């Protein structure tokens, strides 16, 4: 019986070493995938931070243009205008008050730029009042 048991549980040393090598290679593969995933985190964080900064700058430019349009007299029509500020293209329009109803009298600004994730744009709209230019101090 001991002979049978020893034959059944006899371990071939060369097979044991080969099996350990396969286990080691699989463990190394899993470890390298995990390390690559962890290495990608700073890259993605940097891209997201850059995108947030670009969007913040675009928002600033859009609000600046809306303030400019609101400061203009109501009877001055700025039908369409476009300017380039750094990497940003800003388009805005303000209809003539006489040509639209008061509930449709609004300024629209679109800022577009090339970001890390491709072309991006931001559009803001603000309703305007006929008297908005008269409320500012000169």
N, C-alpha and C. Protein backbone atom coordinates (compact mmCIF):
# COMPACT_ATOMS: atom_id res chain seq x y z
N UNK A 1 0.81 -1.18 0.00
CA UNK A 1 0.00 0.00 0.00
C UNK A 1 0.86 1.26 0.00
N UNK A 2 1.94 1.19 0.77
CA UNK A 2 2.85 2.34 0.79
C UNK A 2 3.46 2.59 -0.58
N UNK A 3 3.70 1.56 -1.30
CA UNK A 3 4.28 1.70 -2.62
C UNK A 3 3.30 2.37 -3.56
N UNK A 4 2.03 1.98 -3.45
CA UNK A 4 0.99 2.58 -4.28
C UNK A 4 0.83 4.07 -3.94
N UNK A 5 0.81 4.37 -2.67
CA UNK A 5 0.67 5.76 -2.23
C UNK A 5 1.87 6.59 -2.68
N UNK A 6 3.02 6.02 -2.59
CA UNK A 6 4.20 6.77 -2.99
C UNK A 6 4.22 7.00 -4.50
N UNK A 7 3.67 6.07 -5.26
CA UNK A 7 3.59 6.26 -6.70
C UNK A 7 2.56 7.33 -7.07
N UNK A 8 1.45 7.34 -6.36
CA UNK A 8 0.40 8.32 -6.65
C UNK A 8 0.83 9.74 -6.29
N UNK A 9 1.50 9.85 -5.19
CA UNK A 9 1.87 11.19 -4.71
C UNK A 9 3.32 11.55 -5.03
N UNK A 10 3.91 10.79 -5.91
CA UNK A 10 5.28 11.08 -6.29
C UNK A 10 5.28 12.35 -7.15
N UNK A 11 6.08 13.26 -6.80
CA UNK A 11 6.15 14.53 -7.50
C UNK A 11 7.41 14.56 -8.34
N UNK A 12 7.20 14.83 -9.60
CA UNK A 12 8.33 14.94 -10.51
C UNK A 12 8.92 16.35 -10.34
N UNK A 13 10.18 16.43 -9.97
CA UNK A 13 10.81 17.72 -9.68
C UNK A 13 10.87 18.63 -10.91
N UNK A 14 11.12 18.12 -12.07
CA UNK A 14 11.19 18.97 -13.27
C UNK A 14 9.82 19.54 -13.61
N UNK A 15 8.76 18.77 -13.40
CA UNK A 15 7.41 19.28 -13.63
C UNK A 15 7.04 20.33 -12.60
N UNK A 16 7.46 20.16 -11.40
CA UNK A 16 7.18 21.11 -10.33
C UNK A 16 7.83 22.46 -10.63
N UNK A 17 9.03 22.45 -11.13
CA UNK A 17 9.72 23.69 -11.46
C UNK A 17 9.03 24.39 -12.63
N UNK A 18 8.60 23.65 -13.60
CA UNK A 18 7.92 24.24 -14.74
C UNK A 18 6.59 24.85 -14.32
N UNK A 19 5.89 24.18 -13.46
CA UNK A 19 4.62 24.71 -12.98
C UNK A 19 4.84 25.99 -12.19
N UNK A 20 5.86 26.08 -11.41
CA UNK A 20 6.18 27.30 -10.67
C UNK A 20 6.53 28.44 -11.61
N UNK A 21 7.20 28.11 -12.69
CA UNK A 21 7.55 29.14 -13.67
C UNK A 21 6.30 29.72 -14.32
N UNK A 22 5.33 28.88 -14.67
CA UNK A 22 4.07 29.35 -15.25
C UNK A 22 3.32 30.21 -14.24
N UNK A 23 3.28 29.78 -13.00
CA UNK A 23 2.62 30.59 -11.96
C UNK A 23 3.30 31.94 -11.82
N UNK A 24 4.61 31.95 -11.86
CA UNK A 24 5.35 33.21 -11.73
C UNK A 24 5.07 34.14 -12.91
N UNK A 25 5.01 33.58 -14.11
CA UNK A 25 4.73 34.42 -15.29
C UNK A 25 3.32 35.01 -15.23
N UNK A 26 2.35 34.24 -14.79
CA UNK A 26 0.98 34.75 -14.67
C UNK A 26 0.91 35.84 -13.61
N UNK A 27 1.58 35.63 -12.49
CA UNK A 27 1.60 36.65 -11.43
C UNK A 27 2.28 37.92 -11.92
N UNK A 28 3.34 37.77 -12.67
CA UNK A 28 4.04 38.94 -13.22
C UNK A 28 3.17 39.69 -14.22
N UNK A 29 2.42 38.97 -15.04
CA UNK A 29 1.51 39.59 -15.99
C UNK A 29 0.42 40.39 -15.27
N UNK A 30 -0.17 39.81 -14.25
CA UNK A 30 -1.21 40.50 -13.47
C UNK A 30 -0.64 41.74 -12.78
N UNK A 31 0.54 41.61 -12.23
CA UNK A 31 1.19 42.74 -11.58
C UNK A 31 1.50 43.87 -12.56
N UNK A 32 1.99 43.51 -13.75
CA UNK A 32 2.31 44.55 -14.74
C UNK A 32 1.05 45.27 -15.22
N UNK A 33 -0.06 44.57 -15.37
CA UNK A 33 -1.32 45.22 -15.75
C UNK A 33 -1.75 46.20 -14.66
N UNK A 34 -1.62 45.81 -13.42
CA UNK A 34 -1.96 46.71 -12.31
C UNK A 34 -1.07 47.93 -12.25
N UNK A 35 0.21 47.75 -12.49
CA UNK A 35 1.14 48.89 -12.47
C UNK A 35 0.86 49.84 -13.63
N UNK A 36 0.54 49.30 -14.80
CA UNK A 36 0.19 50.17 -15.93
C UNK A 36 -1.06 50.98 -15.64
N UNK A 37 -2.04 50.36 -15.00
CA UNK A 37 -3.27 51.10 -14.65
C UNK A 37 -2.96 52.22 -13.66
N UNK A 38 -2.13 51.95 -12.70
CA UNK A 38 -1.77 52.97 -11.71
C UNK A 38 -0.95 54.09 -12.36
N UNK A 39 -0.11 53.73 -13.32
CA UNK A 39 0.71 54.74 -14.00
C UNK A 39 -0.14 55.67 -14.85
N UNK A 40 -1.30 55.23 -15.30
CA UNK A 40 -2.18 56.07 -16.12
C UNK A 40 -2.94 57.11 -15.33
N UNK A 41 -3.03 56.96 -14.02
CA UNK A 41 -3.79 57.90 -13.20
C UNK A 41 -3.22 59.31 -13.24
N UNK A 42 -1.92 59.53 -13.05
CA UNK A 42 -1.40 60.91 -13.13
C UNK A 42 -1.61 61.55 -14.50
N UNK A 43 -1.52 60.75 -15.55
CA UNK A 43 -1.71 61.30 -16.90
C UNK A 43 -3.15 61.79 -17.06
N UNK A 44 -4.10 60.98 -16.66
CA UNK A 44 -5.51 61.37 -16.76
C UNK A 44 -5.81 62.56 -15.85
N UNK A 45 -5.22 62.60 -14.69
CA UNK A 45 -5.44 63.72 -13.77
C UNK A 45 -4.91 65.01 -14.38
N UNK A 46 -3.76 64.95 -15.02
CA UNK A 46 -3.21 66.14 -15.66
C UNK A 46 -4.10 66.61 -16.81
N UNK A 47 -4.62 65.67 -17.61
CA UNK A 47 -5.51 66.05 -18.70
C UNK A 47 -6.78 66.70 -18.18
N UNK A 48 -7.35 66.14 -17.12
CA UNK A 48 -8.58 66.71 -16.55
C UNK A 48 -8.33 68.09 -15.96
N UNK A 49 -7.19 68.28 -15.32
CA UNK A 49 -6.87 69.59 -14.75
C UNK A 49 -6.69 70.63 -15.86
N UNK A 50 -6.03 70.25 -16.94
CA UNK A 50 -5.84 71.16 -18.07
C UNK A 50 -7.18 71.51 -18.71
N UNK A 51 -8.05 70.51 -18.86
CA UNK A 51 -9.37 70.76 -19.45
C UNK A 51 -10.19 71.70 -18.55
N UNK A 52 -10.11 71.51 -17.25
CA UNK A 52 -10.83 72.40 -16.32
C UNK A 52 -10.31 73.83 -16.41
N UNK A 53 -9.00 73.99 -16.52
CA UNK A 53 -8.43 75.34 -16.64
C UNK A 53 -8.84 76.00 -17.96
N UNK A 54 -8.86 75.22 -19.04
CA UNK A 54 -9.29 75.78 -20.32
C UNK A 54 -10.76 76.16 -20.29
N UNK A 55 -11.58 75.34 -19.67
CA UNK A 55 -13.02 75.64 -19.57
C UNK A 55 -13.25 76.87 -18.70
N UNK A 56 -12.46 77.02 -17.65
CA UNK A 56 -12.57 78.19 -16.79
C UNK A 56 -12.22 79.45 -17.56
N UNK A 57 -11.17 79.40 -18.38
CA UNK A 57 -10.79 80.55 -19.20
C UNK A 57 -11.87 80.87 -20.22
N UNK A 58 -12.46 79.84 -20.83
CA UNK A 58 -13.54 80.05 -21.79
C UNK A 58 -14.74 80.69 -21.12
N UNK A 59 -15.06 80.27 -19.91
CA UNK A 59 -16.19 80.86 -19.17
C UNK A 59 -15.92 82.32 -18.88
N UNK A 60 -14.70 82.64 -18.49
CA UNK A 60 -14.33 84.04 -18.23
C UNK A 60 -14.51 84.89 -19.49
N UNK A 61 -14.03 84.38 -20.63
CA UNK A 61 -14.16 85.13 -21.89
C UNK A 61 -15.62 85.31 -22.30
N UNK A 62 -16.44 84.29 -22.07
CA UNK A 62 -17.86 84.38 -22.42
C UNK A 62 -18.58 85.41 -21.54
N UNK A 63 -18.32 85.37 -20.25
CA UNK A 63 -18.96 86.34 -19.34
C UNK A 63 -18.49 87.75 -19.64
N UNK A 64 -17.22 87.91 -19.99
CA UNK A 64 -16.68 89.22 -20.35
C UNK A 64 -17.40 89.77 -21.59
N UNK A 65 -17.63 88.92 -22.57
CA UNK A 65 -18.33 89.35 -23.79
C UNK A 65 -19.79 89.67 -23.48
N UNK A 66 -20.44 88.89 -22.62
CA UNK A 66 -21.83 89.19 -22.25
C UNK A 66 -21.93 90.52 -21.51
N UNK A 67 -20.98 90.79 -20.65
CA UNK A 67 -20.96 92.08 -19.96
C UNK A 67 -20.78 93.23 -20.95
N UNK A 68 -19.92 93.03 -21.94
CA UNK A 68 -19.71 94.04 -22.97
C UNK A 68 -21.00 94.29 -23.74
N UNK A 69 -21.68 93.21 -24.13
CA UNK A 69 -22.92 93.36 -24.90
C UNK A 69 -24.01 94.03 -24.08
N UNK A 70 -24.06 93.72 -22.81
CA UNK A 70 -25.07 94.32 -21.95
C UNK A 70 -24.79 95.81 -21.72
N UNK A 71 -23.55 96.19 -21.77
CA UNK A 71 -23.18 97.59 -21.55
C UNK A 71 -23.48 98.47 -22.75
N UNK A 72 -23.71 97.87 -23.91
CA UNK A 72 -24.02 98.65 -25.10
C UNK A 72 -25.46 99.18 -25.03
N UNK A 73 -25.70 100.28 -25.68
CA UNK A 73 -27.05 100.84 -25.71
C UNK A 73 -27.98 99.89 -26.44
N UNK A 74 -29.25 99.91 -26.08
CA UNK A 74 -30.20 98.93 -26.62
C UNK A 74 -30.42 99.08 -28.12
N UNK A 75 -30.26 100.27 -28.65
CA UNK A 75 -30.53 100.46 -30.08
C UNK A 75 -29.31 100.23 -30.95
N UNK A 76 -28.21 99.87 -30.36
CA UNK A 76 -27.00 99.54 -31.12
C UNK A 76 -27.01 98.04 -31.35
N UNK A 77 -27.10 97.65 -32.60
CA UNK A 77 -27.12 96.22 -32.92
C UNK A 77 -25.72 95.73 -33.22
N UNK A 78 -25.33 94.71 -32.55
CA UNK A 78 -24.09 94.01 -32.88
C UNK A 78 -24.56 92.68 -33.43
N UNK A 79 -24.77 92.64 -34.72
CA UNK A 79 -25.39 91.48 -35.34
C UNK A 79 -24.56 90.24 -35.12
N UNK A 80 -23.32 90.29 -35.47
CA UNK A 80 -22.43 89.15 -35.25
C UNK A 80 -21.01 89.66 -35.22
N UNK A 81 -20.24 89.10 -34.34
CA UNK A 81 -18.84 89.50 -34.24
C UNK A 81 -18.03 88.28 -33.82
N UNK A 82 -16.80 88.30 -34.21
CA UNK A 82 -15.92 87.19 -33.85
C UNK A 82 -14.55 87.76 -33.57
N UNK A 83 -13.93 87.29 -32.50
CA UNK A 83 -12.57 87.68 -32.23
C UNK A 83 -11.82 86.47 -31.68
N UNK A 84 -10.51 86.55 -31.78
CA UNK A 84 -9.64 85.47 -31.32
C UNK A 84 -8.83 86.00 -30.14
N UNK A 85 -8.90 85.29 -29.03
CA UNK A 85 -8.16 85.65 -27.84
C UNK A 85 -7.29 84.45 -27.48
N UNK A 86 -6.02 84.52 -27.81
CA UNK A 86 -5.13 83.38 -27.55
C UNK A 86 -5.56 82.17 -28.38
N UNK A 87 -5.84 81.07 -27.71
CA UNK A 87 -6.27 79.84 -28.37
C UNK A 87 -7.79 79.76 -28.50
N UNK A 88 -8.49 80.79 -28.10
CA UNK A 88 -9.95 80.76 -28.04
C UNK A 88 -10.55 81.64 -29.14
N UNK A 89 -11.63 81.15 -29.72
CA UNK A 89 -12.38 81.93 -30.70
C UNK A 89 -13.72 82.27 -30.06
N UNK A 90 -14.02 83.55 -30.02
CA UNK A 90 -15.24 84.02 -29.34
C UNK A 90 -16.17 84.63 -30.38
N UNK A 91 -17.41 84.10 -30.48
CA UNK A 91 -18.43 84.64 -31.38
C UNK A 91 -19.60 85.13 -30.53
N UNK A 92 -20.07 86.30 -30.87
CA UNK A 92 -21.22 86.81 -30.11
C UNK A 92 -22.10 87.66 -31.00
N UNK A 93 -23.37 87.74 -30.60
CA UNK A 93 -24.31 88.60 -31.32
C UNK A 93 -25.33 89.16 -30.35
N UNK A 94 -25.85 90.31 -30.74
CA UNK A 94 -26.87 90.99 -29.96
C UNK A 94 -27.82 91.62 -30.98
N UNK A 95 -29.07 91.21 -31.01
CA UNK A 95 -29.99 91.78 -32.00
C UNK A 95 -30.37 93.21 -31.65
N UNK A 96 -30.84 93.95 -32.64
CA UNK A 96 -31.36 95.29 -32.41
C UNK A 96 -32.67 95.16 -31.65
N UNK A 97 -32.87 95.97 -30.65
CA UNK A 97 -34.06 95.87 -29.81
C UNK A 97 -35.34 96.07 -30.62
N UNK A 98 -35.29 96.89 -31.66
CA UNK A 98 -36.48 97.19 -32.45
C UNK A 98 -36.91 96.00 -33.32
N UNK A 99 -36.02 95.08 -33.60
CA UNK A 99 -36.35 93.98 -34.51
C UNK A 99 -36.89 92.74 -33.81
N UNK A 100 -36.79 92.65 -32.49
CA UNK A 100 -37.26 91.46 -31.78
C UNK A 100 -38.14 91.88 -30.61
N UNK A 101 -38.93 90.94 -30.12
CA UNK A 101 -39.74 91.24 -28.94
C UNK A 101 -38.85 91.26 -27.70
N UNK A 102 -39.34 91.89 -26.64
CA UNK A 102 -38.51 92.07 -25.46
C UNK A 102 -38.14 90.75 -24.79
N UNK A 103 -38.98 89.71 -24.93
CA UNK A 103 -38.63 88.43 -24.31
C UNK A 103 -37.58 87.66 -25.13
N UNK A 104 -37.35 88.07 -26.37
CA UNK A 104 -36.33 87.43 -27.19
C UNK A 104 -35.07 88.28 -27.32
N UNK A 105 -35.02 89.37 -26.60
CA UNK A 105 -33.87 90.26 -26.65
C UNK A 105 -32.78 89.69 -25.73
N UNK A 106 -31.88 88.92 -26.31
CA UNK A 106 -30.83 88.30 -25.52
C UNK A 106 -29.53 88.24 -26.30
N UNK A 107 -28.47 88.24 -25.55
CA UNK A 107 -27.13 88.14 -26.14
C UNK A 107 -26.68 86.69 -26.05
N UNK A 108 -25.98 86.25 -27.08
CA UNK A 108 -25.46 84.89 -27.12
C UNK A 108 -23.97 84.94 -27.41
N UNK A 109 -23.21 84.20 -26.63
CA UNK A 109 -21.76 84.14 -26.81
C UNK A 109 -21.35 82.67 -26.89
N UNK A 110 -20.55 82.35 -27.89
CA UNK A 110 -20.00 81.00 -28.02
C UNK A 110 -18.48 81.11 -28.06
N UNK A 111 -17.83 80.38 -27.19
CA UNK A 111 -16.37 80.34 -27.15
C UNK A 111 -15.95 78.92 -27.53
N UNK A 112 -15.06 78.81 -28.49
CA UNK A 112 -14.57 77.49 -28.88
C UNK A 112 -13.04 77.47 -28.80
N UNK A 113 -12.50 76.30 -28.51
CA UNK A 113 -11.07 76.15 -28.38
C UNK A 113 -10.69 74.69 -28.63
N UNK A 114 -9.43 74.48 -28.88
CA UNK A 114 -8.90 73.13 -29.10
C UNK A 114 -8.34 72.65 -27.77
N UNK A 115 -8.97 71.64 -27.20
CA UNK A 115 -8.53 71.13 -25.90
C UNK A 115 -7.79 69.81 -26.08
N UNK A 116 -7.38 69.23 -24.96
CA UNK A 116 -6.65 67.97 -25.01
C UNK A 116 -7.52 66.82 -25.51
N UNK A 117 -8.82 66.97 -25.39
CA UNK A 117 -9.73 65.91 -25.83
C UNK A 117 -10.39 66.22 -27.17
N UNK A 118 -9.89 67.22 -27.88
CA UNK A 118 -10.46 67.58 -29.18
C UNK A 118 -11.05 68.99 -29.14
N UNK A 119 -11.91 69.26 -30.09
CA UNK A 119 -12.54 70.58 -30.17
C UNK A 119 -13.61 70.71 -29.09
N UNK A 120 -13.60 71.80 -28.33
CA UNK A 120 -14.58 72.05 -27.28
C UNK A 120 -15.21 73.41 -27.50
N UNK A 121 -16.42 73.58 -27.00
CA UNK A 121 -17.08 74.88 -27.09
C UNK A 121 -18.00 75.07 -25.90
N UNK A 122 -18.29 76.34 -25.66
CA UNK A 122 -19.13 76.74 -24.54
C UNK A 122 -20.04 77.85 -25.04
N UNK A 123 -21.34 77.74 -24.79
CA UNK A 123 -22.29 78.76 -25.24
C UNK A 123 -23.05 79.29 -24.02
N UNK A 124 -23.09 80.62 -23.90
CA UNK A 124 -23.84 81.28 -22.84
C UNK A 124 -24.84 82.24 -23.46
N UNK A 125 -25.99 82.35 -22.84
CA UNK A 125 -27.02 83.29 -23.28
C UNK A 125 -27.47 84.10 -22.08
N UNK A 126 -27.74 85.37 -22.31
CA UNK A 126 -28.22 86.22 -21.22
C UNK A 126 -29.33 87.12 -21.75
N UNK A 127 -30.49 87.10 -21.09
CA UNK A 127 -31.54 88.05 -21.49
C UNK A 127 -31.09 89.47 -21.17
N UNK A 128 -31.40 90.38 -22.07
CA UNK A 128 -31.00 91.77 -21.90
C UNK A 128 -32.23 92.64 -21.70
N UNK A 129 -32.02 93.76 -21.07
CA UNK A 129 -33.08 94.73 -20.86
C UNK A 129 -32.81 95.95 -21.72
N UNK A 130 -33.87 96.62 -22.10
CA UNK A 130 -33.72 97.86 -22.87
C UNK A 130 -32.96 98.90 -22.07
N UNK A 131 -33.05 98.79 -20.75
CA UNK A 131 -32.47 99.81 -19.87
C UNK A 131 -31.16 99.34 -19.23
N UNK A 132 -30.62 98.23 -19.66
CA UNK A 132 -29.41 97.70 -19.01
C UNK A 132 -28.23 98.66 -19.14
N UNK A 133 -28.11 99.35 -20.27
CA UNK A 133 -26.98 100.26 -20.44
C UNK A 133 -27.14 101.52 -19.60
N UNK A 134 -28.36 101.86 -19.20
CA UNK A 134 -28.59 103.09 -18.41
C UNK A 134 -28.34 102.88 -16.93
N UNK A 135 -28.21 101.65 -16.50
CA UNK A 135 -28.01 101.40 -15.07
C UNK A 135 -26.52 101.41 -14.67
N UNK A 136 -25.66 101.44 -15.63
CA UNK A 136 -24.24 101.43 -15.30
C UNK A 136 -23.74 102.85 -15.03
N UNK A 137 -22.71 102.91 -14.24
CA UNK A 137 -22.10 104.21 -13.93
C UNK A 137 -21.09 104.54 -15.01
N UNK A 138 -20.99 105.79 -15.34
CA UNK A 138 -20.01 106.19 -16.36
C UNK A 138 -18.92 107.01 -15.76
